[in-house]
Amino acid sequence: MENNKKILIVDDDEFLLDMYATKFRSVNIDVEIASNVPEALDKIYAGFNPQVVLLDLIMQGPDGFDFLERVKKENLLKDSKIIILSNLGQKEDIEKGLKMGAYSYLIKAYYTPSEIVKKVKELL
C-alpha cells in the first residue's frame, strides 16, 4: 500500500527543518520542506498536495501570514490542514492566523518535536 501521508514544513530555520523532517520520516510520513514562502508555493504549484502544512510565521521576505493569504486567495490546499508552528504567541497573532484559515496554532516553545509529530500523526 502506498504511503500517502504527506506534509509540508515551511520554516526558514534550517536546523528545525532538518530535525522535523527526520522525525516525521522516522514515522513513515513523506515530508517536503521549504525554507521560504516562494519555495513552498512553487512546490504546491508543481502539484504537491500535503494533508498537513506546518507553517512558521516569521520569515525573511513573504511571511507565514502572506502564505495563508495567498493560499486562501488562490484557493490552494483546500483539503489540507495548515498548522501554524511559531514562536509568536500574542493573542492577536493567534487570532489572526486562525481567522486567516489556519486549522491550529501551536507555539514552538510549548511543545517538544515529538509532541508536534504526535499531533500531526493524529490529524493524518
PDB file of N, CA and C in Angstrom:
ATOM      1  N   MET A   1       0.840  -1.196   0.000  1.00  0.00           N
ATOM      2  CA  MET A   1       0.000   0.000   0.000  1.00  0.00           C
ATOM      3  C   MET A   1       0.879   1.252   0.000  1.00  0.00           C
ATOM      4  N   GLU A   2       0.545   2.156  -0.867  1.00  0.00           N
ATOM      5  CA  GLU A   2       1.345   3.373  -0.990  1.00  0.00           C
ATOM      6  C   GLU A   2       1.120   4.274   0.226  1.00  0.00           C
ATOM      7  N   ASN A   3       2.210   4.836   0.699  1.00  0.00           N
ATOM      8  CA  ASN A   3       2.118   5.761   1.825  1.00  0.00           C
ATOM      9  C   ASN A   3       1.677   7.120   1.286  1.00  0.00           C
ATOM     10  N   ASN A   4       0.490   7.560   1.658  1.00  0.00           N
ATOM     11  CA  ASN A   4       0.025   8.845   1.147  1.00  0.00           C
ATOM     12  C   ASN A   4      -0.034   9.909   2.232  1.00  0.00           C
ATOM     13  N   LYS A   5       0.657   9.675   3.318  1.00  0.00           N
ATOM     14  CA  LYS A   5       0.722  10.676   4.374  1.00  0.00           C
ATOM     15  C   LYS A   5       1.823  11.665   4.001  1.00  0.00           C
ATOM     16  N   LYS A   6       1.402  12.888   3.650  1.00  0.00           N
ATOM     17  CA  LYS A   6       2.365  13.879   3.177  1.00  0.00           C
ATOM     18  C   LYS A   6       2.202  15.172   3.950  1.00  0.00           C
ATOM     19  N   ILE A   7       3.338  15.742   4.321  1.00  0.00           N
ATOM     20  CA  ILE A   7       3.293  17.049   4.969  1.00  0.00           C
ATOM     21  C   ILE A   7       4.309  17.978   4.317  1.00  0.00           C
ATOM     22  N   LEU A   8       4.055  19.252   4.462  1.00  0.00           N
ATOM     23  CA  LEU A   8       4.963  20.294   4.003  1.00  0.00           C
ATOM     24  C   LEU A   8       5.338  21.116   5.230  1.00  0.00           C
ATOM     25  N   ILE A   9       6.636  21.306   5.416  1.00  0.00           N
ATOM     26  CA  ILE A   9       7.106  22.131   6.529  1.00  0.00           C
ATOM     27  C   ILE A   9       7.733  23.393   5.933  1.00  0.00           C
ATOM     28  N   VAL A  10       7.226  24.550   6.361  1.00  0.00           N
ATOM     29  CA  VAL A  10       7.724  25.826   5.855  1.00  0.00           C
ATOM     30  C   VAL A  10       8.320  26.599   7.027  1.00  0.00           C
ATOM     31  N   ASP A  11       9.647  26.726   7.012  1.00  0.00           N
ATOM     32  CA  ASP A  11      10.344  27.409   8.108  1.00  0.00           C
ATOM     33  C   ASP A  11      11.704  27.843   7.577  1.00  0.00           C
ATOM     34  N   ASP A  12      12.150  29.021   7.975  1.00  0.00           N
ATOM     35  CA  ASP A  12      13.449  29.482   7.475  1.00  0.00           C
ATOM     36  C   ASP A  12      14.612  29.044   8.372  1.00  0.00           C
ATOM     37  N   ASP A  13      14.335  28.280   9.401  1.00  0.00           N
ATOM     38  CA  ASP A  13      15.380  27.762  10.280  1.00  0.00           C
ATOM     39  C   ASP A  13      15.800  26.372   9.769  1.00  0.00           C
ATOM     40  N   GLU A  14      16.967  26.314   9.130  1.00  0.00           N
ATOM     41  CA  GLU A  14      17.433  25.066   8.512  1.00  0.00           C
ATOM     42  C   GLU A  14      17.552  23.927   9.533  1.00  0.00           C
ATOM     43  N   PHE A  15      18.023  24.255  10.734  1.00  0.00           N
ATOM     44  CA  PHE A  15      18.169  23.226  11.771  1.00  0.00           C
ATOM     45  C   PHE A  15      16.812  22.605  12.098  1.00  0.00           C
ATOM     46  N   LEU A  16      15.799  23.448  12.299  1.00  0.00           N
ATOM     47  CA  LEU A  16      14.456  22.940  12.608  1.00  0.00           C
ATOM     48  C   LEU A  16      13.873  22.150  11.443  1.00  0.00           C
ATOM     49  N   LEU A  17      14.076  22.634  10.225  1.00  0.00           N
ATOM     50  CA  LEU A  17      13.588  21.900   9.054  1.00  0.00           C
ATOM     51  C   LEU A  17      14.161  20.491   9.030  1.00  0.00           C
ATOM     52  N   ASP A  18      15.469  20.388   9.203  1.00  0.00           N
ATOM     53  CA  ASP A  18      16.141  19.084   9.197  1.00  0.00           C
ATOM     54  C   ASP A  18      15.617  18.175  10.303  1.00  0.00           C
ATOM     55  N   MET A  19      15.538  18.741  11.495  1.00  0.00           N
ATOM     56  CA  MET A  19      15.125  17.953  12.644  1.00  0.00           C
ATOM     57  C   MET A  19      13.694  17.432  12.478  1.00  0.00           C
ATOM     58  N   TYR A  20      12.768  18.315  12.101  1.00  0.00           N
ATOM     59  CA  TYR A  20      11.385  17.878  11.924  1.00  0.00           C
ATOM     60  C   TYR A  20      11.252  16.899  10.770  1.00  0.00           C
ATOM     61  N   ALA A  21      11.954  17.158   9.668  1.00  0.00           N
ATOM     62  CA  ALA A  21      11.886  16.242   8.521  1.00  0.00           C
ATOM     63  C   ALA A  21      12.343  14.853   8.940  1.00  0.00           C
ATOM     64  N   THR A  22      13.436  14.776   9.677  1.00  0.00           N
ATOM     65  CA  THR A  22      13.963  13.487  10.138  1.00  0.00           C
ATOM     66  C   THR A  22      12.952  12.790  11.043  1.00  0.00           C
ATOM     67  N   LYS A  23      12.378  13.532  11.977  1.00  0.00           N
ATOM     68  CA  LYS A  23      11.406  12.947  12.909  1.00  0.00           C
ATOM     69  C   LYS A  23      10.173  12.412  12.179  1.00  0.00           C
ATOM     70  N   PHE A  24       9.642  13.184  11.236  1.00  0.00           N
ATOM     71  CA  PHE A  24       8.453  12.735  10.505  1.00  0.00           C
ATOM     72  C   PHE A  24       8.769  11.538   9.617  1.00  0.00           C
ATOM     73  N   ARG A  25       9.919  11.564   8.966  1.00  0.00           N
ATOM     74  CA  ARG A  25      10.285  10.438   8.099  1.00  0.00           C
ATOM     75  C   ARG A  25      10.475   9.158   8.921  1.00  0.00           C
ATOM     76  N   SER A  26      10.914   9.301  10.163  1.00  0.00           N
ATOM     77  CA  SER A  26      11.132   8.122  11.010  1.00  0.00           C
ATOM     78  C   SER A  26       9.819   7.423  11.367  1.00  0.00           C
ATOM     79  N   VAL A  27       8.697   8.128  11.191  1.00  0.00           N
ATOM     80  CA  VAL A  27       7.390   7.507  11.441  1.00  0.00           C
ATOM     81  C   VAL A  27       6.611   7.342  10.129  1.00  0.00           C
ATOM     82  N   ASN A  28       7.352   7.224   9.035  1.00  0.00           N
ATOM     83  CA  ASN A  28       6.774   6.922   7.714  1.00  0.00           C
ATOM     84  C   ASN A  28       5.866   7.998   7.141  1.00  0.00           C
ATOM     85  N   ILE A  29       6.203   9.243   7.338  1.00  0.00           N
ATOM     86  CA  ILE A  29       5.430  10.329   6.739  1.00  0.00           C
ATOM     87  C   ILE A  29       6.318  11.008   5.705  1.00  0.00           C
ATOM     88  N   ASP A  30       5.800  11.159   4.485  1.00  0.00           N
ATOM     89  CA  ASP A  30       6.537  11.859   3.433  1.00  0.00           C
ATOM     90  C   ASP A  30       6.602  13.337   3.771  1.00  0.00           C
ATOM     91  N   VAL A  31       7.790  13.904   3.651  1.00  0.00           N
ATOM     92  CA  VAL A  31       7.990  15.295   4.028  1.00  0.00           C
ATOM     93  C   VAL A  31       8.607  16.071   2.876  1.00  0.00           C
ATOM     94  N   GLU A  32       8.034  17.219   2.608  1.00  0.00           N
ATOM     95  CA  GLU A  32       8.677  18.203   1.734  1.00  0.00           C
ATOM     96  C   GLU A  32       8.990  19.380   2.640  1.00  0.00           C
ATOM     97  N   ILE A  33      10.127  20.012   2.387  1.00  0.00           N
ATOM     98  CA  ILE A  33      10.480  21.176   3.192  1.00  0.00           C
ATOM     99  C   ILE A  33      10.675  22.383   2.283  1.00  0.00           C
ATOM    100  N   ALA A  34      10.394  23.543   2.839  1.00  0.00           N
ATOM    101  CA  ALA A  34      10.605  24.796   2.122  1.00  0.00           C
ATOM    102  C   ALA A  34      11.137  25.807   3.130  1.00  0.00           C
ATOM    103  N   SER A  35      12.190  26.505   2.744  1.00  0.00           N
ATOM    104  CA  SER A  35      12.789  27.453   3.687  1.00  0.00           C
ATOM    105  C   SER A  35      12.238  28.862   3.525  1.00  0.00           C
ATOM    106  N   ASN A  36      11.260  29.023   2.627  1.00  0.00           N
ATOM    107  CA  ASN A  36      10.601  30.326   2.488  1.00  0.00           C
ATOM    108  C   ASN A  36       9.261  30.142   1.772  1.00  0.00           C
ATOM    109  N   VAL A  37       8.482  31.185   1.760  1.00  0.00           N
ATOM    110  CA  VAL A  37       7.138  31.113   1.185  1.00  0.00           C
ATOM    111  C   VAL A  37       7.163  30.871  -0.328  1.00  0.00           C
ATOM    112  N   PRO A  38       8.000  31.591  -1.109  1.00  0.00           N
ATOM    113  CA  PRO A  38       8.006  31.310  -2.549  1.00  0.00           C
ATOM    114  C   PRO A  38       8.359  29.847  -2.864  1.00  0.00           C
ATOM    115  N   GLU A  39       9.294  29.279  -2.133  1.00  0.00           N
ATOM    116  CA  GLU A  39       9.670  27.874  -2.346  1.00  0.00           C
ATOM    117  C   GLU A  39       8.484  26.952  -2.034  1.00  0.00           C
ATOM    118  N   ALA A  40       7.769  27.248  -0.961  1.00  0.00           N
ATOM    119  CA  ALA A  40       6.592  26.441  -0.597  1.00  0.00           C
ATOM    120  C   ALA A  40       5.526  26.539  -1.681  1.00  0.00           C
ATOM    121  N   LEU A  41       5.267  27.743  -2.161  1.00  0.00           N
ATOM    122  CA  LEU A  41       4.257  27.926  -3.203  1.00  0.00           C
ATOM    123  C   LEU A  41       4.663  27.218  -4.492  1.00  0.00           C
ATOM    124  N   ASP A  42       5.946  27.253  -4.834  1.00  0.00           N
ATOM    125  CA  ASP A  42       6.432  26.541  -6.029  1.00  0.00           C
ATOM    126  C   ASP A  42       6.105  25.056  -5.942  1.00  0.00           C
ATOM    127  N   LYS A  43       6.326  24.462  -4.768  1.00  0.00           N
ATOM    128  CA  LYS A  43       6.046  23.030  -4.588  1.00  0.00           C
ATOM    129  C   LYS A  43       4.548  22.747  -4.745  1.00  0.00           C
ATOM    130  N   ILE A  44       3.734  23.629  -4.230  1.00  0.00           N
ATOM    131  CA  ILE A  44       2.285  23.462  -4.329  1.00  0.00           C
ATOM    132  C   ILE A  44       1.836  23.627  -5.786  1.00  0.00           C
ATOM    133  N   TYR A  45       2.350  24.672  -6.462  1.00  0.00           N
ATOM    134  CA  TYR A  45       2.003  24.875  -7.870  1.00  0.00           C
ATOM    135  C   TYR A  45       2.448  23.692  -8.728  1.00  0.00           C
ATOM    136  N   ALA A  46       3.544  23.042  -8.315  1.00  0.00           N
ATOM    137  CA  ALA A  46       4.067  21.896  -9.071  1.00  0.00           C
ATOM    138  C   ALA A  46       3.259  20.619  -8.797  1.00  0.00           C
ATOM    139  N   GLY A  47       2.255  20.726  -7.915  1.00  0.00           N
ATOM    140  CA  GLY A  47       1.369  19.591  -7.704  1.00  0.00           C
ATOM    141  C   GLY A  47       1.492  18.895  -6.362  1.00  0.00           C
ATOM    142  N   PHE A  48       2.386  19.365  -5.486  1.00  0.00           N
ATOM    143  CA  PHE A  48       2.487  18.734  -4.174  1.00  0.00           C
ATOM    144  C   PHE A  48       1.262  19.140  -3.360  1.00  0.00           C
ATOM    145  N   ASN A  49       0.525  18.140  -2.871  1.00  0.00           N
ATOM    146  CA  ASN A  49      -0.711  18.401  -2.144  1.00  0.00           C
ATOM    147  C   ASN A  49      -0.677  17.680  -0.798  1.00  0.00           C
ATOM    148  N   PRO A  50      -0.073  18.314   0.204  1.00  0.00           N
ATOM    149  CA  PRO A  50       0.064  17.654   1.511  1.00  0.00           C
ATOM    150  C   PRO A  50      -1.247  17.661   2.296  1.00  0.00           C
ATOM    151  N   GLN A  51      -1.367  16.672   3.193  1.00  0.00           N
ATOM    152  CA  GLN A  51      -2.530  16.679   4.086  1.00  0.00           C
ATOM    153  C   GLN A  51      -2.361  17.748   5.164  1.00  0.00           C
ATOM    154  N   VAL A  52      -1.106  17.968   5.565  1.00  0.00           N
ATOM    155  CA  VAL A  52      -0.824  18.927   6.635  1.00  0.00           C
ATOM    156  C   VAL A  52       0.335  19.827   6.217  1.00  0.00           C
ATOM    157  N   VAL A  53       0.216  21.111   6.546  1.00  0.00           N
ATOM    158  CA  VAL A  53       1.303  22.066   6.356  1.00  0.00           C
ATOM    159  C   VAL A  53       1.664  22.606   7.741  1.00  0.00           C
ATOM    160  N   LEU A  54       2.937  22.483   8.097  1.00  0.00           N
ATOM    161  CA  LEU A  54       3.444  23.123   9.320  1.00  0.00           C
ATOM    162  C   LEU A  54       4.068  24.431   8.877  1.00  0.00           C
ATOM    163  N   LEU A  55       3.562  25.527   9.358  1.00  0.00           N
ATOM    164  CA  LEU A  55       3.935  26.841   8.847  1.00  0.00           C
ATOM    165  C   LEU A  55       4.478  27.743   9.941  1.00  0.00           C
ATOM    166  N   ASP A  56       5.713  28.194   9.745  1.00  0.00           N
ATOM    167  CA  ASP A  56       6.258  29.221  10.631  1.00  0.00           C
ATOM    168  C   ASP A  56       5.719  30.563  10.142  1.00  0.00           C
ATOM    169  N   LEU A  57       5.648  31.536  11.018  1.00  0.00           N
ATOM    170  CA  LEU A  57       5.153  32.855  10.609  1.00  0.00           C
ATOM    171  C   LEU A  57       6.276  33.830  10.306  1.00  0.00           C
ATOM    172  N   ILE A  58       7.338  33.787  11.077  1.00  0.00           N
ATOM    173  CA  ILE A  58       8.394  34.784  10.941  1.00  0.00           C
ATOM    174  C   ILE A  58       9.459  34.282   9.970  1.00  0.00           C
ATOM    175  N   MET A  59       9.499  34.892   8.781  1.00  0.00           N
ATOM    176  CA  MET A  59      10.493  34.533   7.771  1.00  0.00           C
ATOM    177  C   MET A  59      10.899  35.784   7.007  1.00  0.00           C
ATOM    178  N   GLN A  60      12.080  35.725   6.387  1.00  0.00           N
ATOM    179  CA  GLN A  60      12.509  36.813   5.518  1.00  0.00           C
ATOM    180  C   GLN A  60      11.609  36.830   4.292  1.00  0.00           C
ATOM    181  N   GLY A  61      11.366  38.016   3.761  1.00  0.00           N
ATOM    182  CA  GLY A  61      10.510  38.106   2.580  1.00  0.00           C
ATOM    183  C   GLY A  61       9.072  37.859   2.986  1.00  0.00           C
ATOM    184  N   PRO A  62       8.284  37.241   2.079  1.00  0.00           N
ATOM    185  CA  PRO A  62       6.900  36.952   2.472  1.00  0.00           C
ATOM    186  C   PRO A  62       6.898  36.061   3.719  1.00  0.00           C
ATOM    187  N   ASP A  63       6.002  36.363   4.657  1.00  0.00           N
ATOM    188  CA  ASP A  63       5.964  35.569   5.890  1.00  0.00           C
ATOM    189  C   ASP A  63       4.793  34.590   5.874  1.00  0.00           C
ATOM    190  N   GLY A  64       4.593  33.922   6.993  1.00  0.00           N
ATOM    191  CA  GLY A  64       3.537  32.923   7.076  1.00  0.00           C
ATOM    192  C   GLY A  64       2.144  33.487   6.852  1.00  0.00           C
ATOM    193  N   PHE A  65       1.917  34.722   7.303  1.00  0.00           N
ATOM    194  CA  PHE A  65       0.614  35.350   7.070  1.00  0.00           C
ATOM    195  C   PHE A  65       0.409  35.573   5.566  1.00  0.00           C
ATOM    196  N   ASP A  66       1.491  35.964   4.863  1.00  0.00           N
ATOM    197  CA  ASP A  66       1.408  36.135   3.406  1.00  0.00           C
ATOM    198  C   ASP A  66       1.058  34.802   2.738  1.00  0.00           C
ATOM    199  N   PHE A  67       1.658  33.714   3.242  1.00  0.00           N
ATOM    200  CA  PHE A  67       1.374  32.384   2.703  1.00  0.00           C
ATOM    201  C   PHE A  67      -0.109  32.052   2.878  1.00  0.00           C
ATOM    202  N   LEU A  68      -0.622  32.263   4.077  1.00  0.00           N
ATOM    203  CA  LEU A  68      -2.046  31.980   4.347  1.00  0.00           C
ATOM    204  C   LEU A  68      -2.951  32.792   3.420  1.00  0.00           C
ATOM    205  N   GLU A  69      -2.613  34.053   3.250  1.00  0.00           N
ATOM    206  CA  GLU A  69      -3.410  34.937   2.409  1.00  0.00           C
ATOM    207  C   GLU A  69      -3.417  34.435   0.957  1.00  0.00           C
ATOM    208  N   ARG A  70      -2.254  34.056   0.468  1.00  0.00           N
ATOM    209  CA  ARG A  70      -2.108  33.580  -0.912  1.00  0.00           C
ATOM    210  C   ARG A  70      -2.871  32.259  -1.117  1.00  0.00           C
ATOM    211  N   VAL A  71      -2.728  31.352  -0.164  1.00  0.00           N
ATOM    212  CA  VAL A  71      -3.402  30.054  -0.263  1.00  0.00           C
ATOM    213  C   VAL A  71      -4.919  30.245  -0.314  1.00  0.00           C
ATOM    214  N   LYS A  72      -5.403  31.149   0.519  1.00  0.00           N
ATOM    215  CA  LYS A  72      -6.846  31.397   0.570  1.00  0.00           C
ATOM    216  C   LYS A  72      -7.314  32.088  -0.717  1.00  0.00           C
ATOM    217  N   LYS A  73      -6.590  33.125  -1.132  1.00  0.00           N
ATOM    218  CA  LYS A  73      -6.972  33.913  -2.305  1.00  0.00           C
ATOM    219  C   LYS A  73      -6.977  33.050  -3.572  1.00  0.00           C
ATOM    220  N   GLU A  74      -5.990  32.158  -3.681  1.00  0.00           N
ATOM    221  CA  GLU A  74      -5.863  31.342  -4.892  1.00  0.00           C
ATOM    222  C   GLU A  74      -6.551  29.975  -4.753  1.00  0.00           C
ATOM    223  N   ASN A  75      -7.226  29.784  -3.618  1.00  0.00           N
ATOM    224  CA  ASN A  75      -7.965  28.548  -3.384  1.00  0.00           C
ATOM    225  C   ASN A  75      -7.072  27.308  -3.495  1.00  0.00           C
ATOM    226  N   LEU A  76      -5.891  27.396  -2.907  1.00  0.00           N
ATOM    227  CA  LEU A  76      -4.946  26.284  -2.891  1.00  0.00           C
ATOM    228  C   LEU A  76      -5.152  25.470  -1.614  1.00  0.00           C
ATOM    229  N   LEU A  77      -4.701  24.247  -1.631  1.00  0.00           N
ATOM    230  CA  LEU A  77      -4.684  23.396  -0.428  1.00  0.00           C
ATOM    231  C   LEU A  77      -6.051  23.298   0.252  1.00  0.00           C
ATOM    232  N   LYS A  78      -7.088  23.150  -0.544  1.00  0.00           N
ATOM    233  CA  LYS A  78      -8.452  23.108   0.013  1.00  0.00           C
ATOM    234  C   LYS A  78      -8.638  21.977   1.025  1.00  0.00           C
ATOM    235  N   ASP A  79      -7.948  20.855   0.803  1.00  0.00           N
ATOM    236  CA  ASP A  79      -8.126  19.700   1.684  1.00  0.00           C
ATOM    237  C   ASP A  79      -7.016  19.551   2.716  1.00  0.00           C
ATOM    238  N   SER A  80      -6.143  20.548   2.786  1.00  0.00           N
ATOM    239  CA  SER A  80      -5.014  20.469   3.719  1.00  0.00           C
ATOM    240  C   SER A  80      -5.332  21.200   5.012  1.00  0.00           C
ATOM    241  N   LYS A  81      -4.752  20.703   6.086  1.00  0.00           N
ATOM    242  CA  LYS A  81      -4.859  21.395   7.367  1.00  0.00           C
ATOM    243  C   LYS A  81      -3.551  22.152   7.580  1.00  0.00           C
ATOM    244  N   ILE A  82      -3.643  23.460   7.730  1.00  0.00           N
ATOM    245  CA  ILE A  82      -2.458  24.277   7.950  1.00  0.00           C
ATOM    246  C   ILE A  82      -2.327  24.539   9.440  1.00  0.00           C
ATOM    247  N   ILE A  83      -1.203  24.093   9.982  1.00  0.00           N
ATOM    248  CA  ILE A  83      -0.924  24.294  11.400  1.00  0.00           C
ATOM    249  C   ILE A  83       0.196  25.319  11.518  1.00  0.00           C
ATOM    250  N   ILE A  84      -0.098  26.415  12.153  1.00  0.00           N
ATOM    251  CA  ILE A  84       0.947  27.404  12.401  1.00  0.00           C
ATOM    252  C   ILE A  84       1.793  26.892  13.549  1.00  0.00           C
ATOM    253  N   LEU A  85       3.100  26.878  13.328  1.00  0.00           N
ATOM    254  CA  LEU A  85       4.061  26.467  14.356  1.00  0.00           C
ATOM    255  C   LEU A  85       5.041  27.615  14.488  1.00  0.00           C
ATOM    256  N   SER A  86       4.802  28.458  15.455  1.00  0.00           N
ATOM    257  CA  SER A  86       5.547  29.711  15.556  1.00  0.00           C
ATOM    258  C   SER A  86       5.880  30.040  17.001  1.00  0.00           C
ATOM    259  N   ASN A  87       6.842  30.926  17.161  1.00  0.00           N
ATOM    260  CA  ASN A  87       7.121  31.445  18.495  1.00  0.00           C
ATOM    261  C   ASN A  87       6.336  32.721  18.767  1.00  0.00           C
ATOM    262  N   LEU A  88       5.587  33.190  17.776  1.00  0.00           N
ATOM    263  CA  LEU A  88       4.708  34.337  18.003  1.00  0.00           C
ATOM    264  C   LEU A  88       3.534  33.844  18.839  1.00  0.00           C
ATOM    265  N   GLY A  89       3.462  34.303  20.075  1.00  0.00           N
ATOM    266  CA  GLY A  89       2.430  33.782  20.953  1.00  0.00           C
ATOM    267  C   GLY A  89       1.417  34.807  21.412  1.00  0.00           C
ATOM    268  N   GLN A  90       1.453  35.990  20.808  1.00  0.00           N
ATOM    269  CA  GLN A  90       0.496  37.029  21.201  1.00  0.00           C
ATOM    270  C   GLN A  90      -0.912  36.625  20.764  1.00  0.00           C
ATOM    271  N   LYS A  91      -1.869  36.963  21.605  1.00  0.00           N
ATOM    272  CA  LYS A  91      -3.264  36.625  21.323  1.00  0.00           C
ATOM    273  C   LYS A  91      -3.691  37.126  19.934  1.00  0.00           C
ATOM    274  N   GLU A  92      -3.239  38.336  19.566  1.00  0.00           N
ATOM    275  CA  GLU A  92      -3.615  38.918  18.273  1.00  0.00           C
ATOM    276  C   GLU A  92      -3.081  38.075  17.118  1.00  0.00           C
ATOM    277  N   ASP A  93      -1.836  37.582  17.257  1.00  0.00           N
ATOM    278  CA  ASP A  93      -1.241  36.764  16.194  1.00  0.00           C
ATOM    279  C   ASP A  93      -2.002  35.449  16.046  1.00  0.00           C
ATOM    280  N   ILE A  94      -2.327  34.842  17.178  1.00  0.00           N
ATOM    281  CA  ILE A  94      -3.052  33.569  17.158  1.00  0.00           C
ATOM    282  C   ILE A  94      -4.422  33.757  16.498  1.00  0.00           C
ATOM    283  N   GLU A  95      -5.148  34.800  16.926  1.00  0.00           N
ATOM    284  CA  GLU A  95      -6.467  35.063  16.350  1.00  0.00           C
ATOM    285  C   GLU A  95      -6.373  35.352  14.863  1.00  0.00           C
ATOM    286  N   LYS A  96      -5.361  36.130  14.469  1.00  0.00           N
ATOM    287  CA  LYS A  96      -5.180  36.474  13.057  1.00  0.00           C
ATOM    288  C   LYS A  96      -4.921  35.215  12.232  1.00  0.00           C
ATOM    289  N   GLY A  97      -4.032  34.353  12.715  1.00  0.00           N
ATOM    290  CA  GLY A  97      -3.693  33.126  11.988  1.00  0.00           C
ATOM    291  C   GLY A  97      -4.902  32.220  11.810  1.00  0.00           C
ATOM    292  N   LEU A  98      -5.666  32.051  12.868  1.00  0.00           N
ATOM    293  CA  LEU A  98      -6.842  31.184  12.799  1.00  0.00           C
ATOM    294  C   LEU A  98      -7.921  31.795  11.898  1.00  0.00           C
ATOM    295  N   LYS A  99      -8.077  33.114  12.000  1.00  0.00           N
ATOM    296  CA  LYS A  99      -9.061  33.806  11.168  1.00  0.00           C
ATOM    297  C   LYS A  99      -8.686  33.707   9.683  1.00  0.00           C
ATOM    298  N   MET A 100      -7.383  33.651   9.396  1.00  0.00           N
ATOM    299  CA  MET A 100      -6.913  33.577   8.006  1.00  0.00           C
ATOM    300  C   MET A 100      -6.980  32.152   7.452  1.00  0.00           C
ATOM    301  N   GLY A 101      -7.440  31.214   8.269  1.00  0.00           N
ATOM    302  CA  GLY A 101      -7.660  29.881   7.734  1.00  0.00           C
ATOM    303  C   GLY A 101      -6.792  28.773   8.306  1.00  0.00           C
ATOM    304  N   ALA A 102      -5.931  29.099   9.252  1.00  0.00           N
ATOM    305  CA  ALA A 102      -5.131  28.031   9.860  1.00  0.00           C
ATOM    306  C   ALA A 102      -6.047  27.108  10.652  1.00  0.00           C
ATOM    307  N   TYR A 103      -5.747  25.832  10.611  1.00  0.00           N
ATOM    308  CA  TYR A 103      -6.532  24.830  11.332  1.00  0.00           C
ATOM    309  C   TYR A 103      -6.213  24.880  12.824  1.00  0.00           C
ATOM    310  N   SER A 104      -4.946  25.147  13.121  1.00  0.00           N
ATOM    311  CA  SER A 104      -4.489  25.123  14.502  1.00  0.00           C
ATOM    312  C   SER A 104      -3.281  26.047  14.643  1.00  0.00           C
ATOM    313  N   TYR A 105      -2.989  26.431  15.859  1.00  0.00           N
ATOM    314  CA  TYR A 105      -1.865  27.337  16.122  1.00  0.00           C
ATOM    315  C   TYR A 105      -1.084  26.778  17.307  1.00  0.00           C
ATOM    316  N   LEU A 106       0.150  26.374  17.064  1.00  0.00           N
ATOM    317  CA  LEU A 106       0.998  25.825  18.122  1.00  0.00           C
ATOM    318  C   LEU A 106       2.194  26.747  18.339  1.00  0.00           C
ATOM    319  N   ILE A 107       2.466  27.020  19.586  1.00  0.00           N
ATOM    320  CA  ILE A 107       3.627  27.850  19.915  1.00  0.00           C
ATOM    321  C   ILE A 107       4.822  26.926  20.139  1.00  0.00           C
ATOM    322  N   LYS A 108       5.862  27.126  19.328  1.00  0.00           N
ATOM    323  CA  LYS A 108       7.025  26.222  19.322  1.00  0.00           C
ATOM    324  C   LYS A 108       7.561  25.930  20.714  1.00  0.00           C
ATOM    325  N   ALA A 109       7.680  26.961  21.517  1.00  0.00           N
ATOM    326  CA  ALA A 109       8.312  26.812  22.823  1.00  0.00           C
ATOM    327  C   ALA A 109       7.513  25.910  23.771  1.00  0.00           C
ATOM    328  N   TYR A 110       6.246  25.691  23.461  1.00  0.00           N
ATOM    329  CA  TYR A 110       5.392  24.911  24.360  1.00  0.00           C
ATOM    330  C   TYR A 110       5.379  23.421  24.051  1.00  0.00           C
ATOM    331  N   TYR A 111       5.978  23.019  22.926  1.00  0.00           N
ATOM    332  CA  TYR A 111       5.905  21.617  22.505  1.00  0.00           C
ATOM    333  C   TYR A 111       7.280  21.078  22.140  1.00  0.00           C
ATOM    334  N   THR A 112       7.520  19.826  22.490  1.00  0.00           N
ATOM    335  CA  THR A 112       8.740  19.169  22.034  1.00  0.00           C
ATOM    336  C   THR A 112       8.490  18.713  20.593  1.00  0.00           C
ATOM    337  N   PRO A 113       9.546  18.492  19.828  1.00  0.00           N
ATOM    338  CA  PRO A 113       9.359  17.980  18.464  1.00  0.00           C
ATOM    339  C   PRO A 113       8.541  16.681  18.444  1.00  0.00           C
ATOM    340  N   SER A 114       8.752  15.805  19.416  1.00  0.00           N
ATOM    341  CA  SER A 114       7.985  14.554  19.455  1.00  0.00           C
ATOM    342  C   SER A 114       6.494  14.817  19.648  1.00  0.00           C
ATOM    343  N   GLU A 115       6.164  15.827  20.437  1.00  0.00           N
ATOM    344  CA  GLU A 115       4.749  16.175  20.649  1.00  0.00           C
ATOM    345  C   GLU A 115       4.136  16.733  19.360  1.00  0.00           C
ATOM    346  N   ILE A 116       4.920  17.503  18.617  1.00  0.00           N
ATOM    347  CA  ILE A 116       4.444  18.034  17.337  1.00  0.00           C
ATOM    348  C   ILE A 116       4.167  16.882  16.379  1.00  0.00           C
ATOM    349  N   VAL A 117       5.097  15.933  16.298  1.00  0.00           N
ATOM    350  CA  VAL A 117       4.909  14.770  15.418  1.00  0.00           C
ATOM    351  C   VAL A 117       3.642  14.028  15.813  1.00  0.00           C
ATOM    352  N   LYS A 118       3.445  13.827  17.105  1.00  0.00           N
ATOM    353  CA  LYS A 118       2.261  13.107  17.593  1.00  0.00           C
ATOM    354  C   LYS A 118       0.977  13.845  17.181  1.00  0.00           C
ATOM    355  N   LYS A 119       0.957  15.163  17.339  1.00  0.00           N
ATOM    356  CA  LYS A 119      -0.233  15.944  16.976  1.00  0.00           C
ATOM    357  C   LYS A 119      -0.532  15.821  15.478  1.00  0.00           C
ATOM    358  N   VAL A 120       0.512  15.889  14.657  1.00  0.00           N
ATOM    359  CA  VAL A 120       0.310  15.791  13.211  1.00  0.00           C
ATOM    360  C   VAL A 120      -0.162  14.387  12.836  1.00  0.00           C
ATOM    361  N   LYS A 121       0.422  13.365  13.454  1.00  0.00           N
ATOM    362  CA  LYS A 121       0.007  11.985  13.169  1.00  0.00           C
ATOM    363  C   LYS A 121      -1.480  11.794  13.487  1.00  0.00           C
ATOM    364  N   GLU A 122      -1.964  12.442  14.535  1.00  0.00           N
ATOM    365  CA  GLU A 122      -3.377  12.338  14.891  1.00  0.00           C
ATOM    366  C   GLU A 122      -4.271  12.908  13.785  1.00  0.00           C
ATOM    367  N   LEU A 123      -3.784  13.941  13.096  1.00  0.00           N
ATOM    368  CA  LEU A 123      -4.547  14.543  12.006  1.00  0.00           C
ATOM    369  C   LEU A 123      -4.534  13.688  10.747  1.00  0.00           C
ATOM    370  N   LEU A 124      -3.456  12.918  10.570  1.00  0.00           N
ATOM    371  CA  LEU A 124      -3.348  12.089   9.375  1.00  0.00           C
ATOM    372  C   LEU A 124      -4.112  10.810   9.576  1.00  0.00           C
TER     373      LEU A 124
END
